[in-house]
Amino acid sequence: MQKSICLILTIFLTILILACLSAWIYSKDMFFLGVGVLLTIALILVGLELKKIKKDPFS
């Protein structure tokens, strides 16, 4: 009886630790994905501004 409770508790703690680790890695990946999206939008906006400046530099 005691061994089965200890085994179940060990398995539960292992799954809990792995779930926390996976969530932490996933949140880091989502952070980098968000930064990448913002950098892409900024690059597009800078490109459009440069295109506009080349077309009419004194506007």
C-alpha atoms as a PDB file:
ATOM      1  CA  MET A   1       0.000   0.000   0.000  1.00  0.00           C
ATOM      2  CA  GLN A   2       2.727   2.438   0.995  1.00  0.00           C
ATOM      3  CA  LYS A   3       4.777   1.671  -2.135  1.00  0.00           C
ATOM      4  CA  SER A   4       1.839   2.260  -4.481  1.00  0.00           C
ATOM      5  CA  ILE A   5       1.075   5.653  -2.911  1.00  0.00           C
ATOM      6  CA  CYS A   6       4.739   6.612  -3.170  1.00  0.00           C
ATOM      7  CA  LEU A   7       4.837   5.472  -6.812  1.00  0.00           C
ATOM      8  CA  ILE A   8       1.668   7.394  -7.698  1.00  0.00           C
ATOM      9  CA  LEU A   9       3.001  10.503  -5.954  1.00  0.00           C
ATOM     10  CA  THR A  10       6.331  10.212  -7.784  1.00  0.00           C
ATOM     11  CA  ILE A  11       4.610   9.839 -11.161  1.00  0.00           C
ATOM     12  CA  PHE A  12       2.315  12.774 -10.409  1.00  0.00           C
ATOM     13  CA  LEU A  13       5.225  15.022  -9.391  1.00  0.00           C
ATOM     14  CA  THR A  14       7.204  14.015 -12.489  1.00  0.00           C
ATOM     15  CA  ILE A  15       4.273  14.840 -14.768  1.00  0.00           C
ATOM     16  CA  LEU A  16       3.725  18.142 -12.946  1.00  0.00           C
ATOM     17  CA  ILE A  17       7.385  19.155 -13.302  1.00  0.00           C
ATOM     18  CA  LEU A  18       7.416  18.208 -16.993  1.00  0.00           C
ATOM     19  CA  ALA A  19       4.192  20.154 -17.595  1.00  0.00           C
ATOM     20  CA  CYS A  20       5.641  23.251 -15.909  1.00  0.00           C
ATOM     21  CA  LEU A  21       8.841  22.925 -17.933  1.00  0.00           C
ATOM     22  CA  SER A  22       6.866  22.563 -21.171  1.00  0.00           C
ATOM     23  CA  ALA A  23       4.710  25.589 -20.349  1.00  0.00           C
ATOM     24  CA  TRP A  24       7.827  27.642 -19.579  1.00  0.00           C
ATOM     25  CA  ILE A  25       9.471  26.682 -22.895  1.00  0.00           C
ATOM     26  CA  TYR A  26       6.213  27.350 -24.784  1.00  0.00           C
ATOM     27  CA  SER A  27       5.850  30.799 -23.197  1.00  0.00           C
ATOM     28  CA  LYS A  28       9.439  31.668 -24.177  1.00  0.00           C
ATOM     29  CA  ASP A  29       8.757  30.568 -27.759  1.00  0.00           C
ATOM     30  CA  MET A  30       5.578  32.655 -27.858  1.00  0.00           C
ATOM     31  CA  PHE A  31       7.555  35.664 -26.575  1.00  0.00           C
ATOM     32  CA  PHE A  32      10.110  35.292 -29.381  1.00  0.00           C
ATOM     33  CA  LEU A  33       7.305  34.791 -31.902  1.00  0.00           C
ATOM     34  CA  GLY A  34       5.675  38.032 -30.740  1.00  0.00           C
ATOM     35  CA  VAL A  35       8.970  39.911 -30.993  1.00  0.00           C
ATOM     36  CA  GLY A  36       9.482  38.494 -34.484  1.00  0.00           C
ATOM     37  CA  VAL A  37       6.019  39.638 -35.596  1.00  0.00           C
ATOM     38  CA  LEU A  38       6.626  43.148 -34.240  1.00  0.00           C
ATOM     39  CA  LEU A  39      10.016  43.353 -35.966  1.00  0.00           C
ATOM     40  CA  THR A  40       8.448  42.220 -39.243  1.00  0.00           C
ATOM     41  CA  ILE A  41       5.747  44.906 -38.993  1.00  0.00           C
ATOM     42  CA  ALA A  42       8.393  47.548 -38.193  1.00  0.00           C
ATOM     43  CA  LEU A  43      10.476  46.433 -41.181  1.00  0.00           C
ATOM     44  CA  ILE A  44       7.466  46.693 -43.507  1.00  0.00           C
ATOM     45  CA  LEU A  45       6.632  50.184 -42.220  1.00  0.00           C
ATOM     46  CA  VAL A  46      10.240  51.373 -42.620  1.00  0.00           C
ATOM     47  CA  GLY A  47      10.290  49.947 -46.149  1.00  0.00           C
ATOM     48  CA  LEU A  48       7.091  51.818 -47.035  1.00  0.00           C
ATOM     49  CA  GLU A  49       8.524  55.059 -45.622  1.00  0.00           C
ATOM     50  CA  LEU A  50      11.739  54.653 -47.620  1.00  0.00           C
ATOM     51  CA  LYS A  51       9.693  54.004 -50.752  1.00  0.00           C
ATOM     52  CA  LYS A  52       7.682  57.171 -50.085  1.00  0.00           C
ATOM     53  CA  ILE A  53      10.840  59.232 -49.449  1.00  0.00           C
ATOM     54  CA  LYS A  54      12.465  58.010 -52.676  1.00  0.00           C
ATOM     55  CA  LYS A  55       9.329  58.949 -54.593  1.00  0.00           C
ATOM     56  CA  ASP A  56       9.037  62.493 -53.165  1.00  0.00           C
ATOM     57  CA  PRO A  57      11.949  63.463 -50.884  1.00  0.00           C
ATOM     58  CA  PHE A  58      10.565  66.940 -50.015  1.00  0.00           C
ATOM     59  CA  SER A  59       7.085  65.949 -48.893  1.00  0.00           C
END
